[in-house]
Amino acid sequence: MRKLGCILAVAAFLSGATLALADRPQGLMWNRSGLPATIPLQIKTDSGGDTVVYLIDLTSGDKVLAAYARGGEFFRVLVPPGRFGLLFAHGAEWQDEDTLFGLDTRVFALDEALVFSVGVGHRRGHIVDLRMLDAPSVKGLSECQRWALDPDSLQVPRAPGLEGSEKNRGVAPRPEKLSAPRYDVRSVFCD
């Protein structure tokens, strides 16, 4: 009977731990900047704990965006354009948005503000490497947008009623109006 009680206690503890892990946020938590989030910010972390990243408005000091990166997992979030400070909260056991990771929450900031910008055909963001929490590193991340012609949009439609007939052996009559070519926008990483 005592073994059954121990087994039930361990099972209850493990199910509670599983629920706590399942309740962790993931990705963008909120964006209060009033601007569209279109520029990449990538965070690299170790599996030793999770990280909440805040974008800080340098004029007001307000937090304008929050995102949650699970430790050791690939993390990329889109942020609004502008110059922001980055503040991080790191810990092992997520509590909630007010308490963060409880008493073990480690809060730190980058020394310099980061600029997130959009130009003609490109978006400039950043990769922040937090795998060494005492010495975070930052490097640029650029996405270029390329226009690719959709070749199917250049096909001349056949004249109606001539498909499969003897009249269609030669050149098909030219339609009165050709359709405009279509283009697809493709994003690629660039320097």
N, C-alpha and C. Protein backbone atom coordinates (compact mmCIF):
# COMPACT_ATOMS: atom_id res chain seq x y z
N MET A 1 0.83 -1.19 0.00
CA MET A 1 0.00 0.00 0.00
C MET A 1 0.87 1.26 0.00
N ARG A 2 1.98 1.17 0.74
CA ARG A 2 2.88 2.32 0.81
C ARG A 2 3.52 2.57 -0.56
N LYS A 3 3.85 1.48 -1.28
CA LYS A 3 4.44 1.62 -2.61
C LYS A 3 3.45 2.30 -3.56
N LEU A 4 2.18 1.92 -3.44
CA LEU A 4 1.16 2.52 -4.29
C LEU A 4 1.06 4.02 -4.03
N GLY A 5 1.12 4.41 -2.76
CA GLY A 5 1.08 5.84 -2.41
C GLY A 5 2.26 6.59 -3.00
N CYS A 6 3.46 5.99 -2.95
CA CYS A 6 4.66 6.62 -3.52
C CYS A 6 4.53 6.74 -5.04
N ILE A 7 4.02 5.69 -5.65
CA ILE A 7 3.86 5.71 -7.11
C ILE A 7 2.87 6.80 -7.52
N LEU A 8 1.76 6.91 -6.79
CA LEU A 8 0.77 7.94 -7.10
C LEU A 8 1.34 9.34 -6.89
N ALA A 9 2.13 9.51 -5.84
CA ALA A 9 2.74 10.82 -5.57
C ALA A 9 3.71 11.21 -6.68
N VAL A 10 4.53 10.26 -7.11
CA VAL A 10 5.48 10.53 -8.20
C VAL A 10 4.73 10.83 -9.49
N ALA A 11 3.68 10.07 -9.77
CA ALA A 11 2.89 10.30 -10.99
C ALA A 11 2.24 11.68 -10.96
N ALA A 12 1.72 12.08 -9.80
CA ALA A 12 1.10 13.41 -9.69
C ALA A 12 2.14 14.51 -9.89
N PHE A 13 3.33 14.31 -9.32
CA PHE A 13 4.42 15.29 -9.48
C PHE A 13 4.82 15.41 -10.95
N LEU A 14 5.00 14.27 -11.60
CA LEU A 14 5.42 14.28 -13.01
C LEU A 14 4.35 14.89 -13.91
N SER A 15 3.08 14.60 -13.64
CA SER A 15 2.03 15.18 -14.48
C SER A 15 1.95 16.68 -14.26
N GLY A 16 2.20 17.14 -13.04
CA GLY A 16 2.25 18.58 -12.77
C GLY A 16 3.41 19.23 -13.49
N ALA A 17 4.56 18.57 -13.52
CA ALA A 17 5.73 19.10 -14.23
C ALA A 17 5.47 19.15 -15.73
N THR A 18 4.80 18.12 -16.23
CA THR A 18 4.47 18.10 -17.66
C THR A 18 3.51 19.22 -18.00
N LEU A 19 2.51 19.47 -17.13
CA LEU A 19 1.58 20.57 -17.37
C LEU A 19 2.30 21.91 -17.34
N ALA A 20 3.25 22.07 -16.39
CA ALA A 20 4.00 23.32 -16.31
C ALA A 20 4.80 23.56 -17.59
N LEU A 21 5.41 22.50 -18.13
CA LEU A 21 6.16 22.64 -19.37
C LEU A 21 5.23 22.97 -20.53
N ALA A 22 4.05 22.37 -20.54
CA ALA A 22 3.11 22.61 -21.62
C ALA A 22 2.55 24.03 -21.56
N ASP A 23 2.50 24.64 -20.37
CA ASP A 23 1.96 25.98 -20.21
C ASP A 23 2.95 27.08 -20.58
N ARG A 24 4.18 26.72 -20.91
CA ARG A 24 5.16 27.73 -21.29
C ARG A 24 4.71 28.38 -22.60
N PRO A 25 4.84 29.69 -22.68
CA PRO A 25 4.54 30.34 -23.96
C PRO A 25 5.55 29.93 -25.01
N GLN A 26 5.30 30.29 -26.23
CA GLN A 26 6.27 30.04 -27.30
C GLN A 26 6.05 31.09 -28.38
N GLY A 27 7.13 31.75 -28.78
CA GLY A 27 7.04 32.75 -29.84
C GLY A 27 6.59 34.11 -29.34
N LEU A 28 5.96 34.86 -30.23
CA LEU A 28 5.52 36.22 -29.91
C LEU A 28 4.46 36.18 -28.81
N MET A 29 4.69 36.94 -27.74
CA MET A 29 3.72 37.04 -26.66
C MET A 29 2.78 38.23 -26.91
N TRP A 30 3.36 39.38 -27.26
CA TRP A 30 2.56 40.56 -27.62
C TRP A 30 3.42 41.61 -28.32
N ASN A 31 2.74 42.47 -29.10
CA ASN A 31 3.38 43.58 -29.80
C ASN A 31 2.54 44.82 -29.53
N ARG A 32 3.08 45.76 -28.75
CA ARG A 32 2.37 46.99 -28.40
C ARG A 32 3.00 48.21 -29.07
N SER A 33 3.76 47.97 -30.11
CA SER A 33 4.47 49.07 -30.77
C SER A 33 3.55 49.89 -31.67
N GLY A 34 2.45 49.30 -32.12
CA GLY A 34 1.60 49.98 -33.08
C GLY A 34 2.11 49.86 -34.51
N LEU A 35 3.22 49.16 -34.69
CA LEU A 35 3.82 48.97 -36.02
C LEU A 35 3.76 47.50 -36.41
N PRO A 36 3.73 47.21 -37.70
CA PRO A 36 3.75 45.81 -38.12
C PRO A 36 5.11 45.18 -37.84
N ALA A 37 5.09 43.94 -37.41
CA ALA A 37 6.32 43.20 -37.13
C ALA A 37 6.73 42.47 -38.41
N THR A 38 7.80 42.95 -39.06
CA THR A 38 8.20 42.41 -40.36
C THR A 38 9.68 42.10 -40.47
N ILE A 39 10.47 42.38 -39.43
CA ILE A 39 11.93 42.27 -39.53
C ILE A 39 12.41 41.14 -38.62
N PRO A 40 13.32 40.29 -39.10
CA PRO A 40 13.73 39.11 -38.33
C PRO A 40 14.67 39.41 -37.16
N LEU A 41 14.37 38.78 -36.03
CA LEU A 41 15.26 38.73 -34.87
C LEU A 41 15.37 37.25 -34.51
N GLN A 42 16.58 36.74 -34.56
CA GLN A 42 16.82 35.33 -34.24
C GLN A 42 17.60 35.27 -32.94
N ILE A 43 17.18 34.38 -32.03
CA ILE A 43 17.84 34.20 -30.74
C ILE A 43 18.36 32.78 -30.66
N LYS A 44 19.64 32.62 -30.33
CA LYS A 44 20.23 31.30 -30.12
C LYS A 44 20.39 31.09 -28.63
N THR A 45 19.89 29.95 -28.12
CA THR A 45 19.96 29.66 -26.69
C THR A 45 20.41 28.23 -26.46
N ASP A 46 20.85 27.97 -25.23
CA ASP A 46 21.16 26.60 -24.81
C ASP A 46 19.92 25.99 -24.17
N SER A 47 19.95 24.70 -23.97
CA SER A 47 18.79 24.00 -23.41
C SER A 47 18.70 24.13 -21.89
N GLY A 48 19.58 24.89 -21.26
CA GLY A 48 19.58 25.01 -19.80
C GLY A 48 18.48 25.88 -19.23
N GLY A 49 17.72 26.58 -20.03
CA GLY A 49 16.65 27.42 -19.53
C GLY A 49 16.01 28.18 -20.67
N ASP A 50 14.87 28.80 -20.39
CA ASP A 50 14.13 29.56 -21.39
C ASP A 50 14.44 31.04 -21.24
N THR A 51 14.09 31.82 -22.27
CA THR A 51 14.39 33.25 -22.27
C THR A 51 13.20 34.03 -22.79
N VAL A 52 12.87 35.12 -22.09
CA VAL A 52 11.90 36.08 -22.59
C VAL A 52 12.69 37.28 -23.08
N VAL A 53 12.42 37.72 -24.30
CA VAL A 53 13.10 38.89 -24.86
C VAL A 53 12.09 40.03 -24.98
N TYR A 54 12.51 41.22 -24.54
CA TYR A 54 11.68 42.42 -24.64
C TYR A 54 12.38 43.43 -25.53
N LEU A 55 11.63 44.06 -26.43
CA LEU A 55 12.13 45.22 -27.16
C LEU A 55 11.73 46.45 -26.36
N ILE A 56 12.70 47.33 -26.10
CA ILE A 56 12.47 48.50 -25.27
C ILE A 56 12.52 49.76 -26.13
N ASP A 57 11.47 50.59 -26.06
CA ASP A 57 11.47 51.88 -26.74
C ASP A 57 12.48 52.78 -26.03
N LEU A 58 13.46 53.29 -26.76
CA LEU A 58 14.54 54.06 -26.14
C LEU A 58 14.09 55.43 -25.65
N THR A 59 13.01 55.97 -26.20
CA THR A 59 12.53 57.28 -25.77
C THR A 59 11.72 57.18 -24.49
N SER A 60 10.76 56.27 -24.45
CA SER A 60 9.87 56.16 -23.29
C SER A 60 10.35 55.15 -22.25
N GLY A 61 11.18 54.19 -22.67
CA GLY A 61 11.60 53.12 -21.77
C GLY A 61 10.58 52.00 -21.65
N ASP A 62 9.49 52.09 -22.41
CA ASP A 62 8.43 51.09 -22.35
C ASP A 62 8.81 49.82 -23.11
N LYS A 63 8.29 48.70 -22.64
CA LYS A 63 8.42 47.44 -23.36
C LYS A 63 7.38 47.46 -24.48
N VAL A 64 7.84 47.30 -25.72
CA VAL A 64 6.91 47.38 -26.85
C VAL A 64 6.64 46.03 -27.49
N LEU A 65 7.47 45.02 -27.17
CA LEU A 65 7.26 43.69 -27.74
C LEU A 65 7.86 42.68 -26.78
N ALA A 66 7.19 41.54 -26.63
CA ALA A 66 7.71 40.44 -25.82
C ALA A 66 7.59 39.15 -26.59
N ALA A 67 8.63 38.32 -26.48
CA ALA A 67 8.62 37.01 -27.14
C ALA A 67 9.31 36.00 -26.23
N TYR A 68 8.90 34.75 -26.34
CA TYR A 68 9.40 33.68 -25.47
C TYR A 68 10.17 32.66 -26.30
N ALA A 69 11.44 32.45 -25.95
CA ALA A 69 12.29 31.47 -26.64
C ALA A 69 12.53 30.29 -25.71
N ARG A 70 12.12 29.12 -26.14
CA ARG A 70 12.38 27.90 -25.36
C ARG A 70 13.83 27.48 -25.55
N GLY A 71 14.48 27.18 -24.46
CA GLY A 71 15.91 26.87 -24.47
C GLY A 71 16.30 25.76 -25.42
N GLY A 72 17.33 26.01 -26.23
CA GLY A 72 17.86 25.01 -27.13
C GLY A 72 17.09 24.84 -28.43
N GLU A 73 15.93 25.47 -28.57
CA GLU A 73 15.13 25.35 -29.79
C GLU A 73 15.40 26.53 -30.72
N PHE A 74 15.27 26.29 -32.02
CA PHE A 74 15.40 27.39 -32.99
C PHE A 74 14.34 28.43 -32.68
N PHE A 75 14.75 29.71 -32.65
CA PHE A 75 13.79 30.76 -32.34
C PHE A 75 14.02 31.96 -33.25
N ARG A 76 12.96 32.34 -33.91
CA ARG A 76 12.98 33.53 -34.76
C ARG A 76 11.64 34.21 -34.63
N VAL A 77 11.67 35.53 -34.44
CA VAL A 77 10.45 36.30 -34.31
C VAL A 77 10.58 37.53 -35.20
N LEU A 78 9.47 38.00 -35.71
CA LEU A 78 9.47 39.23 -36.50
C LEU A 78 9.17 40.40 -35.58
N VAL A 79 9.94 41.49 -35.75
CA VAL A 79 9.81 42.66 -34.89
C VAL A 79 9.54 43.89 -35.76
N PRO A 80 9.06 44.99 -35.16
CA PRO A 80 8.80 46.20 -35.94
C PRO A 80 10.09 46.94 -36.28
N PRO A 81 10.04 47.82 -37.27
CA PRO A 81 11.23 48.62 -37.59
C PRO A 81 11.48 49.65 -36.50
N GLY A 82 12.75 49.99 -36.31
CA GLY A 82 13.11 51.02 -35.33
C GLY A 82 14.40 50.68 -34.62
N ARG A 83 14.77 51.53 -33.68
CA ARG A 83 15.97 51.34 -32.86
C ARG A 83 15.49 51.00 -31.45
N PHE A 84 15.88 49.83 -30.96
CA PHE A 84 15.37 49.34 -29.69
C PHE A 84 16.50 48.81 -28.81
N GLY A 85 16.27 48.90 -27.50
CA GLY A 85 17.10 48.18 -26.56
C GLY A 85 16.52 46.79 -26.41
N LEU A 86 17.37 45.83 -26.07
CA LEU A 86 16.89 44.46 -25.84
C LEU A 86 17.15 44.08 -24.40
N LEU A 87 16.10 43.64 -23.73
CA LEU A 87 16.16 43.20 -22.34
C LEU A 87 15.76 41.73 -22.32
N PHE A 88 16.49 40.93 -21.54
CA PHE A 88 16.23 39.50 -21.49
C PHE A 88 15.95 39.07 -20.05
N ALA A 89 15.04 38.12 -19.90
CA ALA A 89 14.79 37.44 -18.62
C ALA A 89 15.00 35.96 -18.89
N HIS A 90 15.87 35.34 -18.10
CA HIS A 90 16.26 33.95 -18.34
C HIS A 90 16.01 33.14 -17.08
N GLY A 91 15.53 31.92 -17.25
CA GLY A 91 15.31 31.04 -16.11
C GLY A 91 14.88 29.65 -16.54
N ALA A 92 14.72 28.78 -15.55
CA ALA A 92 14.43 27.38 -15.84
C ALA A 92 12.94 27.03 -15.72
N GLU A 93 12.23 27.62 -14.77
CA GLU A 93 10.84 27.23 -14.54
C GLU A 93 9.91 28.42 -14.69
N TRP A 94 9.22 28.48 -15.79
CA TRP A 94 8.30 29.58 -16.09
C TRP A 94 7.15 29.60 -15.10
N GLN A 95 6.87 30.78 -14.55
CA GLN A 95 5.74 30.96 -13.63
C GLN A 95 4.58 31.64 -14.38
N ASP A 96 4.77 32.91 -14.68
CA ASP A 96 3.78 33.68 -15.44
C ASP A 96 4.45 34.97 -15.90
N GLU A 97 3.70 35.82 -16.59
CA GLU A 97 4.30 37.02 -17.17
C GLU A 97 4.75 38.04 -16.12
N ASP A 98 4.12 38.05 -14.96
CA ASP A 98 4.53 38.99 -13.91
C ASP A 98 5.71 38.48 -13.11
N THR A 99 5.68 37.20 -12.75
CA THR A 99 6.73 36.60 -11.92
C THR A 99 7.90 36.08 -12.75
N LEU A 100 7.67 35.90 -14.04
CA LEU A 100 8.65 35.33 -14.97
C LEU A 100 9.09 33.95 -14.49
N PHE A 101 10.35 33.80 -14.10
CA PHE A 101 10.87 32.49 -13.67
C PHE A 101 11.04 32.43 -12.15
N GLY A 102 10.31 33.27 -11.43
CA GLY A 102 10.39 33.27 -9.98
C GLY A 102 11.68 33.91 -9.48
N LEU A 103 12.12 33.47 -8.31
CA LEU A 103 13.31 34.05 -7.68
C LEU A 103 14.59 33.77 -8.46
N ASP A 104 14.56 32.76 -9.31
CA ASP A 104 15.75 32.42 -10.09
C ASP A 104 15.83 33.15 -11.43
N THR A 105 14.98 34.15 -11.64
CA THR A 105 15.01 34.91 -12.90
C THR A 105 16.29 35.72 -12.98
N ARG A 106 16.97 35.59 -14.10
CA ARG A 106 18.17 36.38 -14.36
C ARG A 106 17.82 37.40 -15.45
N VAL A 107 17.96 38.69 -15.13
CA VAL A 107 17.62 39.75 -16.06
C VAL A 107 18.90 40.44 -16.51
N PHE A 108 19.03 40.64 -17.82
CA PHE A 108 20.20 41.34 -18.36
C PHE A 108 19.81 42.01 -19.68
N ALA A 109 20.62 42.95 -20.12
CA ALA A 109 20.33 43.70 -21.35
C ALA A 109 21.57 43.74 -22.22
N LEU A 110 21.35 43.97 -23.51
CA LEU A 110 22.48 44.20 -24.41
C LEU A 110 23.03 45.60 -24.12
N ASP A 111 24.33 45.77 -24.31
CA ASP A 111 24.97 47.05 -24.05
C ASP A 111 24.54 48.13 -25.03
N GLU A 112 24.30 47.75 -26.28
CA GLU A 112 23.95 48.73 -27.30
C GLU A 112 22.58 48.43 -27.89
N ALA A 113 21.92 49.50 -28.33
CA ALA A 113 20.63 49.34 -29.00
C ALA A 113 20.84 48.74 -30.38
N LEU A 114 19.82 48.06 -30.87
CA LEU A 114 19.88 47.45 -32.20
C LEU A 114 18.90 48.18 -33.13
N VAL A 115 19.33 48.32 -34.39
CA VAL A 115 18.48 48.97 -35.39
C VAL A 115 17.90 47.89 -36.30
N PHE A 116 16.59 47.90 -36.43
CA PHE A 116 15.87 47.00 -37.32
C PHE A 116 15.29 47.87 -38.44
N SER A 117 15.66 47.58 -39.69
CA SER A 117 15.26 48.48 -40.77
C SER A 117 14.75 47.71 -41.99
N VAL A 118 13.99 48.46 -42.79
CA VAL A 118 13.44 47.95 -44.04
C VAL A 118 13.88 48.90 -45.14
N GLY A 119 14.37 48.35 -46.23
CA GLY A 119 14.75 49.16 -47.39
C GLY A 119 14.11 48.58 -48.63
N VAL A 120 14.49 49.13 -49.77
CA VAL A 120 13.95 48.63 -51.03
C VAL A 120 14.53 47.24 -51.27
N GLY A 121 13.70 46.24 -51.18
CA GLY A 121 14.13 44.87 -51.46
C GLY A 121 14.88 44.18 -50.35
N HIS A 122 14.97 44.76 -49.14
CA HIS A 122 15.67 44.05 -48.06
C HIS A 122 15.12 44.44 -46.69
N ARG A 123 15.35 43.54 -45.75
CA ARG A 123 15.01 43.77 -44.34
C ARG A 123 16.25 43.42 -43.53
N ARG A 124 16.65 44.32 -42.63
CA ARG A 124 17.86 44.10 -41.84
C ARG A 124 17.48 43.89 -40.37
N GLY A 125 17.78 42.68 -39.89
CA GLY A 125 17.54 42.32 -38.50
C GLY A 125 18.83 41.89 -37.84
N HIS A 126 18.71 41.03 -36.82
CA HIS A 126 19.88 40.62 -36.05
C HIS A 126 19.75 39.18 -35.55
N ILE A 127 20.90 38.57 -35.31
CA ILE A 127 20.99 37.29 -34.61
C ILE A 127 21.68 37.57 -33.29
N VAL A 128 21.02 37.22 -32.18
CA VAL A 128 21.60 37.39 -30.85
C VAL A 128 21.89 36.01 -30.30
N ASP A 129 23.16 35.77 -29.98
CA ASP A 129 23.60 34.48 -29.46
C ASP A 129 23.72 34.56 -27.95
N LEU A 130 22.83 33.87 -27.24
CA LEU A 130 22.81 33.87 -25.77
C LEU A 130 23.33 32.56 -25.20
N ARG A 131 24.02 31.78 -25.99
CA ARG A 131 24.51 30.50 -25.48
C ARG A 131 25.56 30.70 -24.40
N MET A 132 26.23 31.84 -24.40
CA MET A 132 27.12 32.23 -23.30
C MET A 132 26.50 33.48 -22.68
N LEU A 133 25.67 33.30 -21.64
CA LEU A 133 24.89 34.40 -21.09
C LEU A 133 25.76 35.56 -20.61
N ASP A 134 26.98 35.28 -20.15
CA ASP A 134 27.85 36.34 -19.66
C ASP A 134 28.48 37.15 -20.79
N ALA A 135 28.43 36.64 -22.00
CA ALA A 135 29.04 37.34 -23.14
C ALA A 135 28.18 37.15 -24.39
N PRO A 136 26.96 37.74 -24.40
CA PRO A 136 26.12 37.59 -25.59
C PRO A 136 26.77 38.27 -26.80
N SER A 137 26.54 37.70 -27.97
CA SER A 137 27.09 38.30 -29.19
C SER A 137 25.95 38.61 -30.16
N VAL A 138 26.20 39.60 -31.03
CA VAL A 138 25.20 40.05 -31.98
C VAL A 138 25.83 40.13 -33.36
N LYS A 139 25.11 39.66 -34.37
CA LYS A 139 25.54 39.88 -35.74
C LYS A 139 24.32 40.18 -36.60
N GLY A 140 24.57 40.82 -37.74
CA GLY A 140 23.48 41.21 -38.62
C GLY A 140 22.84 40.03 -39.32
N LEU A 141 21.58 40.20 -39.67
CA LEU A 141 20.81 39.20 -40.41
C LEU A 141 20.00 39.96 -41.45
N SER A 142 20.32 39.76 -42.72
CA SER A 142 19.62 40.47 -43.79
C SER A 142 18.84 39.50 -44.65
N GLU A 143 17.65 39.91 -45.01
CA GLU A 143 16.82 39.17 -45.95
C GLU A 143 16.61 40.05 -47.16
N CYS A 144 16.94 39.54 -48.33
CA CYS A 144 16.69 40.26 -49.57
C CYS A 144 15.46 39.67 -50.24
N GLN A 145 14.69 40.52 -50.85
CA GLN A 145 13.51 40.06 -51.56
C GLN A 145 13.77 40.14 -53.05
N ARG A 146 13.54 39.06 -53.72
CA ARG A 146 13.77 38.95 -55.15
C ARG A 146 12.43 38.72 -55.85
N TRP A 147 12.30 39.32 -57.01
CA TRP A 147 11.12 39.11 -57.83
C TRP A 147 11.41 38.00 -58.81
N ALA A 148 10.58 37.00 -58.85
CA ALA A 148 10.75 35.87 -59.78
C ALA A 148 9.54 35.83 -60.71
N LEU A 149 9.82 35.83 -61.99
CA LEU A 149 8.75 35.79 -62.99
C LEU A 149 8.06 34.43 -62.97
N ASP A 150 6.74 34.46 -62.95
CA ASP A 150 5.94 33.23 -63.04
C ASP A 150 5.81 32.89 -64.52
N PRO A 151 6.52 31.85 -65.01
CA PRO A 151 6.51 31.56 -66.45
C PRO A 151 5.12 31.19 -66.98
N ASP A 152 4.26 30.64 -66.15
CA ASP A 152 2.92 30.28 -66.61
C ASP A 152 2.11 31.52 -67.01
N SER A 153 2.48 32.68 -66.47
CA SER A 153 1.72 33.89 -66.79
C SER A 153 2.02 34.40 -68.19
N LEU A 154 3.05 33.86 -68.86
CA LEU A 154 3.43 34.30 -70.20
C LEU A 154 2.79 33.48 -71.31
N GLN A 155 2.08 32.43 -70.98
CA GLN A 155 1.48 31.58 -72.00
C GLN A 155 0.31 32.29 -72.66
N VAL A 156 0.29 32.21 -73.97
CA VAL A 156 -0.79 32.83 -74.74
C VAL A 156 -1.97 31.88 -74.75
N PRO A 157 -3.14 32.35 -74.34
CA PRO A 157 -4.30 31.46 -74.34
C PRO A 157 -4.75 31.13 -75.77
N ARG A 158 -5.25 29.94 -75.96
CA ARG A 158 -5.77 29.51 -77.26
C ARG A 158 -7.10 30.23 -77.51
N ALA A 159 -7.35 30.45 -78.76
CA ALA A 159 -8.62 31.07 -79.12
C ALA A 159 -9.75 30.10 -78.78
N PRO A 160 -10.83 30.58 -78.24
CA PRO A 160 -11.93 29.69 -77.86
C PRO A 160 -12.54 29.01 -79.08
N GLY A 161 -12.89 27.76 -78.93
CA GLY A 161 -13.57 27.00 -79.97
C GLY A 161 -12.66 26.37 -81.00
N LEU A 162 -11.34 26.59 -80.91
CA LEU A 162 -10.43 26.04 -81.91
C LEU A 162 -9.66 24.82 -81.40
N GLU A 163 -9.80 24.46 -80.16
CA GLU A 163 -9.06 23.33 -79.62
C GLU A 163 -9.46 22.06 -80.35
N GLY A 164 -8.48 21.33 -80.89
CA GLY A 164 -8.72 20.04 -81.50
C GLY A 164 -9.33 20.10 -82.89
N SER A 165 -9.55 21.26 -83.44
CA SER A 165 -10.15 21.34 -84.77
C SER A 165 -9.08 21.43 -85.84
N GLU A 166 -9.49 21.23 -87.09
CA GLU A 166 -8.57 21.31 -88.22
C GLU A 166 -8.04 22.73 -88.37
N LYS A 167 -8.81 23.71 -87.98
CA LYS A 167 -8.40 25.11 -88.14
C LYS A 167 -7.23 25.46 -87.23
N ASN A 168 -6.98 24.66 -86.20
CA ASN A 168 -5.99 25.00 -85.17
C ASN A 168 -4.61 24.44 -85.50
N ARG A 169 -4.39 23.95 -86.72
CA ARG A 169 -3.09 23.37 -87.06
C ARG A 169 -2.04 24.45 -87.25
N GLY A 170 -2.42 25.58 -87.67
CA GLY A 170 -1.46 26.67 -87.89
C GLY A 170 -1.31 27.50 -86.62
N VAL A 171 -1.00 28.73 -86.81
CA VAL A 171 -0.81 29.65 -85.68
C VAL A 171 -2.18 30.04 -85.16
N ALA A 172 -2.32 29.99 -83.87
CA ALA A 172 -3.59 30.37 -83.26
C ALA A 172 -3.77 31.88 -83.42
N PRO A 173 -5.01 32.30 -83.61
CA PRO A 173 -5.24 33.74 -83.71
C PRO A 173 -4.82 34.44 -82.42
N ARG A 174 -4.29 35.61 -82.57
CA ARG A 174 -3.80 36.37 -81.41
C ARG A 174 -4.99 36.91 -80.61
N PRO A 175 -4.97 36.70 -79.28
CA PRO A 175 -6.08 37.24 -78.49
C PRO A 175 -6.03 38.77 -78.49
N GLU A 176 -7.18 39.37 -78.25
CA GLU A 176 -7.24 40.83 -78.26
C GLU A 176 -6.37 41.42 -77.15
N LYS A 177 -6.35 40.78 -76.00
CA LYS A 177 -5.62 41.34 -74.87
C LYS A 177 -4.78 40.24 -74.21
N LEU A 178 -3.49 40.49 -74.07
CA LEU A 178 -2.62 39.55 -73.37
C LEU A 178 -2.66 39.86 -71.87
N SER A 179 -2.54 38.83 -71.07
CA SER A 179 -2.52 39.07 -69.62
C SER A 179 -1.14 39.59 -69.21
N ALA A 180 -1.12 40.36 -68.15
CA ALA A 180 0.14 40.90 -67.64
C ALA A 180 0.93 39.79 -66.96
N PRO A 181 2.26 39.82 -67.08
CA PRO A 181 3.06 38.80 -66.40
C PRO A 181 2.91 38.91 -64.88
N ARG A 182 2.98 37.78 -64.21
CA ARG A 182 2.89 37.75 -62.75
C ARG A 182 4.28 37.48 -62.17
N TYR A 183 4.51 38.01 -60.99
CA TYR A 183 5.78 37.81 -60.30
C TYR A 183 5.52 37.31 -58.89
N ASP A 184 6.41 36.44 -58.42
CA ASP A 184 6.37 35.98 -57.05
C ASP A 184 7.51 36.65 -56.30
N VAL A 185 7.27 37.03 -55.04
CA VAL A 185 8.32 37.61 -54.21
C VAL A 185 8.92 36.48 -53.39
N ARG A 186 10.24 36.34 -53.44
CA ARG A 186 10.94 35.31 -52.68
C ARG A 186 11.95 35.98 -51.77
N SER A 187 11.98 35.56 -50.51
CA SER A 187 12.95 36.09 -49.56
C SER A 187 14.11 35.13 -49.42
N VAL A 188 15.33 35.66 -49.47
CA VAL A 188 16.54 34.87 -49.29
C VAL A 188 17.46 35.62 -48.34
N PHE A 189 18.29 34.89 -47.61
CA PHE A 189 19.27 35.54 -46.75
C PHE A 189 20.38 36.10 -47.61
N CYS A 190 20.84 37.29 -47.29
CA CYS A 190 21.89 37.93 -48.07
C CYS A 190 22.79 38.73 -47.13
N ASP A 191 23.87 39.29 -47.69
CA ASP A 191 24.79 40.10 -46.87
C ASP A 191 24.40 41.55 -46.86
